[in-house]
Amino acid sequence: MADQPSLSHDPLDCVLRFIRVLEAGGGGDDIRPFLADSFVLAEAPHLLAPEGSTRTLAAVLDGADQSAEVVADQKFVIRRTTCEGGRVAVEADWSATALVDLRYWDRGETIRARTSSVFEVRNGRIVSQDSYDCYFRDGS
């Protein structure tokens, strides 16, 4: 298991550190210390999940482990953050290289999305994330 990051009780710091671990290709063991046992990820509908999705901690950890087989070189360019109490809103530009053929991208192409996420942090752990992702192809 990866070294445990020291917990930050500053909600914005916790979320930004979590994002940097994802960007570095962190798997389930790497992101686990940031997430509460009750963590829930709710994704609004988007190109890769037209119906949207709601995933619990176990599904998110499994997805993080599998993501290394699907994408590489993830980058998050943070555009804006807002923090009020334990609620953190993050707007970012995300990109990654597709390692497999996907519905709208071929292997080797860059996937891009404009993302907005609202995180709820309690006691130094993320308890929820509501994500709104707008995927696009270059030139669109």
C-alpha atoms as a PDB file:
ATOM      1  CA  MET A   1       0.000   0.000   0.000  1.00  0.00           C
ATOM      2  CA  ALA A   2       1.148   3.537  -0.739  1.00  0.00           C
ATOM      3  CA  ASP A   3       2.453   5.765   2.027  1.00  0.00           C
ATOM      4  CA  GLN A   4      -0.393   7.409   3.883  1.00  0.00           C
ATOM      5  CA  PRO A   5      -0.494  11.156   3.194  1.00  0.00           C
ATOM      6  CA  SER A   6      -0.853  13.242   6.309  1.00  0.00           C
ATOM      7  CA  LEU A   7      -4.462  14.269   6.642  1.00  0.00           C
ATOM      8  CA  SER A   8      -5.257  17.902   6.063  1.00  0.00           C
ATOM      9  CA  HIS A   9      -8.296  19.255   7.825  1.00  0.00           C
ATOM     10  CA  ASP A  10      -8.320  22.199   5.412  1.00  0.00           C
ATOM     11  CA  PRO A  11     -11.019  21.139   2.895  1.00  0.00           C
ATOM     12  CA  LEU A  12      -9.489  22.930  -0.094  1.00  0.00           C
ATOM     13  CA  ASP A  13      -6.033  21.482   0.593  1.00  0.00           C
ATOM     14  CA  CYS A  14      -7.508  17.990   0.955  1.00  0.00           C
ATOM     15  CA  VAL A  15      -9.321  18.222  -2.399  1.00  0.00           C
ATOM     16  CA  LEU A  16      -6.364  19.696  -4.273  1.00  0.00           C
ATOM     17  CA  ARG A  17      -4.034  17.007  -2.920  1.00  0.00           C
ATOM     18  CA  PHE A  18      -6.570  14.348  -3.960  1.00  0.00           C
ATOM     19  CA  ILE A  19      -6.662  15.790  -7.490  1.00  0.00           C
ATOM     20  CA  ARG A  20      -2.847  15.766  -7.706  1.00  0.00           C
ATOM     21  CA  VAL A  21      -2.779  12.076  -6.710  1.00  0.00           C
ATOM     22  CA  LEU A  22      -5.318  11.325  -9.459  1.00  0.00           C
ATOM     23  CA  GLU A  23      -3.240  13.338 -11.909  1.00  0.00           C
ATOM     24  CA  ALA A  24      -0.158  11.304 -10.991  1.00  0.00           C
ATOM     25  CA  GLY A  25      -2.050   8.139 -11.952  1.00  0.00           C
ATOM     26  CA  GLY A  26      -2.860   7.110  -8.402  1.00  0.00           C
ATOM     27  CA  GLY A  27      -4.766   3.877  -8.006  1.00  0.00           C
ATOM     28  CA  GLY A  28      -7.167   2.798  -5.308  1.00  0.00           C
ATOM     29  CA  ASP A  29      -4.517   2.479  -2.612  1.00  0.00           C
ATOM     30  CA  ASP A  30      -3.246   5.965  -3.395  1.00  0.00           C
ATOM     31  CA  ILE A  31      -6.605   7.746  -3.268  1.00  0.00           C
ATOM     32  CA  ARG A  32      -8.080   5.733  -0.395  1.00  0.00           C
ATOM     33  CA  PRO A  33      -6.597   7.909   2.390  1.00  0.00           C
ATOM     34  CA  PHE A  34      -8.473  10.938   1.064  1.00  0.00           C
ATOM     35  CA  LEU A  35     -11.907   9.291   0.997  1.00  0.00           C
ATOM     36  CA  ALA A  36     -14.331   8.583   3.828  1.00  0.00           C
ATOM     37  CA  ASP A  37     -15.776   5.091   4.197  1.00  0.00           C
ATOM     38  CA  SER A  38     -19.160   6.512   3.167  1.00  0.00           C
ATOM     39  CA  PHE A  39     -17.784   8.268   0.051  1.00  0.00           C
ATOM     40  CA  VAL A  40     -20.187   8.584  -2.894  1.00  0.00           C
ATOM     41  CA  LEU A  41     -19.372   9.903  -6.381  1.00  0.00           C
ATOM     42  CA  ALA A  42     -22.331  11.175  -8.410  1.00  0.00           C
ATOM     43  CA  GLU A  43     -21.587  11.920 -12.068  1.00  0.00           C
ATOM     44  CA  ALA A  44     -24.031  13.891 -14.195  1.00  0.00           C
ATOM     45  CA  PRO A  45     -24.651  12.429 -17.670  1.00  0.00           C
ATOM     46  CA  HIS A  46     -21.799  12.936 -20.147  1.00  0.00           C
ATOM     47  CA  LEU A  47     -20.387  11.396 -23.344  1.00  0.00           C
ATOM     48  CA  LEU A  48     -18.753   8.438 -21.619  1.00  0.00           C
ATOM     49  CA  ALA A  49     -21.685   7.789 -19.254  1.00  0.00           C
ATOM     50  CA  PRO A  50     -24.854   9.061 -20.985  1.00  0.00           C
ATOM     51  CA  GLU A  51     -27.052   8.000 -18.062  1.00  0.00           C
ATOM     52  CA  GLY A  52     -24.670   9.393 -15.455  1.00  0.00           C
ATOM     53  CA  SER A  53     -23.676   7.246 -12.518  1.00  0.00           C
ATOM     54  CA  THR A  54     -23.523   7.000  -8.767  1.00  0.00           C
ATOM     55  CA  ARG A  55     -20.652   5.003  -7.311  1.00  0.00           C
ATOM     56  CA  THR A  56     -19.715   4.036  -3.780  1.00  0.00           C
ATOM     57  CA  LEU A  57     -16.220   3.922  -2.343  1.00  0.00           C
ATOM     58  CA  ALA A  58     -15.522   0.347  -3.476  1.00  0.00           C
ATOM     59  CA  ALA A  59     -16.510   1.093  -7.085  1.00  0.00           C
ATOM     60  CA  VAL A  60     -14.437   4.283  -7.131  1.00  0.00           C
ATOM     61  CA  LEU A  61     -11.362   2.465  -5.815  1.00  0.00           C
ATOM     62  CA  ASP A  62     -11.795  -0.294  -8.414  1.00  0.00           C
ATOM     63  CA  GLY A  63     -12.188   2.336 -11.133  1.00  0.00           C
ATOM     64  CA  ALA A  64      -9.014   4.087 -10.024  1.00  0.00           C
ATOM     65  CA  ASP A  65      -7.126   0.792 -10.292  1.00  0.00           C
ATOM     66  CA  GLN A  66      -8.513   0.156 -13.785  1.00  0.00           C
ATOM     67  CA  SER A  67      -7.964   3.700 -15.072  1.00  0.00           C
ATOM     68  CA  ALA A  68      -4.253   3.023 -15.708  1.00  0.00           C
ATOM     69  CA  GLU A  69      -5.352   0.589 -18.427  1.00  0.00           C
ATOM     70  CA  VAL A  70      -7.618   3.182 -20.077  1.00  0.00           C
ATOM     71  CA  VAL A  71      -5.819   6.540 -19.829  1.00  0.00           C
ATOM     72  CA  ALA A  72      -2.329   7.912 -19.211  1.00  0.00           C
ATOM     73  CA  ASP A  73      -0.814  11.339 -18.664  1.00  0.00           C
ATOM     74  CA  GLN A  74      -3.800  12.798 -16.858  1.00  0.00           C
ATOM     75  CA  LYS A  75      -3.577  16.546 -16.355  1.00  0.00           C
ATOM     76  CA  PHE A  76      -5.826  18.843 -14.364  1.00  0.00           C
ATOM     77  CA  VAL A  77      -5.483  22.576 -14.962  1.00  0.00           C
ATOM     78  CA  ILE A  78      -7.359  24.190 -12.105  1.00  0.00           C
ATOM     79  CA  ARG A  79      -9.258  27.242 -13.344  1.00  0.00           C
ATOM     80  CA  ARG A  80     -11.094  28.276 -10.189  1.00  0.00           C
ATOM     81  CA  THR A  81     -11.866  27.044  -6.685  1.00  0.00           C
ATOM     82  CA  THR A  82     -14.360  28.123  -4.083  1.00  0.00           C
ATOM     83  CA  CYS A  83     -14.489  26.882  -0.524  1.00  0.00           C
ATOM     84  CA  GLU A  84     -17.249  27.466   1.999  1.00  0.00           C
ATOM     85  CA  GLY A  85     -16.994  25.460   5.183  1.00  0.00           C
ATOM     86  CA  GLY A  86     -16.489  21.841   4.146  1.00  0.00           C
ATOM     87  CA  ARG A  87     -17.820  22.345   0.622  1.00  0.00           C
ATOM     88  CA  VAL A  88     -15.243  22.819  -2.151  1.00  0.00           C
ATOM     89  CA  ALA A  89     -16.094  23.641  -5.776  1.00  0.00           C
ATOM     90  CA  VAL A  90     -13.409  23.079  -8.408  1.00  0.00           C
ATOM     91  CA  GLU A  91     -13.493  24.046 -12.070  1.00  0.00           C
ATOM     92  CA  ALA A  92     -10.746  22.475 -14.173  1.00  0.00           C
ATOM     93  CA  ASP A  93      -9.633  21.495 -17.629  1.00  0.00           C
ATOM     94  CA  TRP A  94      -8.813  17.776 -17.732  1.00  0.00           C
ATOM     95  CA  SER A  95      -6.946  15.853 -20.385  1.00  0.00           C
ATOM     96  CA  ALA A  96      -5.500  12.371 -20.774  1.00  0.00           C
ATOM     97  CA  THR A  97      -4.208  10.088 -23.497  1.00  0.00           C
ATOM     98  CA  ALA A  98      -6.480   7.192 -24.463  1.00  0.00           C
ATOM     99  CA  LEU A  99      -4.714   3.837 -24.114  1.00  0.00           C
ATOM    100  CA  VAL A 100      -7.593   1.927 -25.728  1.00  0.00           C
ATOM    101  CA  ASP A 101     -10.176   2.708 -28.395  1.00  0.00           C
ATOM    102  CA  LEU A 102     -13.185   4.429 -26.852  1.00  0.00           C
ATOM    103  CA  ARG A 103     -16.512   5.418 -28.368  1.00  0.00           C
ATOM    104  CA  TYR A 104     -15.365   8.893 -29.406  1.00  0.00           C
ATOM    105  CA  TRP A 105     -11.571   8.595 -29.220  1.00  0.00           C
ATOM    106  CA  ASP A 106      -9.026   6.219 -30.729  1.00  0.00           C
ATOM    107  CA  ARG A 107      -6.058   4.849 -28.845  1.00  0.00           C
ATOM    108  CA  GLY A 108      -3.365   7.522 -28.650  1.00  0.00           C
ATOM    109  CA  GLU A 109      -5.742  10.480 -28.972  1.00  0.00           C
ATOM    110  CA  THR A 110      -6.089  13.125 -26.293  1.00  0.00           C
ATOM    111  CA  ILE A 111      -9.360  13.151 -24.388  1.00  0.00           C
ATOM    112  CA  ARG A 112     -10.373  16.568 -23.065  1.00  0.00           C
ATOM    113  CA  ALA A 113     -13.066  17.721 -20.690  1.00  0.00           C
ATOM    114  CA  ARG A 114     -14.089  20.860 -18.889  1.00  0.00           C
ATOM    115  CA  THR A 115     -15.019  19.707 -15.402  1.00  0.00           C
ATOM    116  CA  SER A 116     -16.770  21.108 -12.388  1.00  0.00           C
ATOM    117  CA  SER A 117     -16.961  19.155  -9.172  1.00  0.00           C
ATOM    118  CA  VAL A 118     -18.423  19.906  -5.783  1.00  0.00           C
ATOM    119  CA  PHE A 119     -16.778  18.051  -2.918  1.00  0.00           C
ATOM    120  CA  GLU A 120     -17.954  17.710   0.660  1.00  0.00           C
ATOM    121  CA  VAL A 121     -15.122  17.272   3.176  1.00  0.00           C
ATOM    122  CA  ARG A 122     -15.523  16.281   6.815  1.00  0.00           C
ATOM    123  CA  ASN A 123     -12.755  15.569   9.320  1.00  0.00           C
ATOM    124  CA  GLY A 124     -10.088  15.675   6.647  1.00  0.00           C
ATOM    125  CA  ARG A 125     -11.790  13.151   4.336  1.00  0.00           C
ATOM    126  CA  ILE A 126     -13.892  13.618   1.204  1.00  0.00           C
ATOM    127  CA  VAL A 127     -17.394  12.245   1.827  1.00  0.00           C
ATOM    128  CA  SER A 128     -18.922  13.086  -1.548  1.00  0.00           C
ATOM    129  CA  GLN A 129     -18.179  14.401  -5.009  1.00  0.00           C
ATOM    130  CA  ASP A 130     -20.766  15.628  -7.495  1.00  0.00           C
ATOM    131  CA  SER A 131     -19.107  15.829 -10.904  1.00  0.00           C
ATOM    132  CA  TYR A 132     -20.216  17.642 -14.049  1.00  0.00           C
ATOM    133  CA  ASP A 133     -17.974  16.835 -17.015  1.00  0.00           C
ATOM    134  CA  CYS A 134     -18.209  18.264 -20.513  1.00  0.00           C
ATOM    135  CA  TYR A 135     -16.081  16.151 -22.882  1.00  0.00           C
ATOM    136  CA  PHE A 136     -15.076  17.539 -26.248  1.00  0.00           C
ATOM    137  CA  ARG A 137     -12.807  16.804 -29.174  1.00  0.00           C
ATOM    138  CA  ASP A 138     -10.189  19.280 -30.359  1.00  0.00           C
ATOM    139  CA  GLY A 139     -11.801  21.735 -32.731  1.00  0.00           C
ATOM    140  CA  SER A 140     -15.277  21.284 -31.241  1.00  0.00           C
END
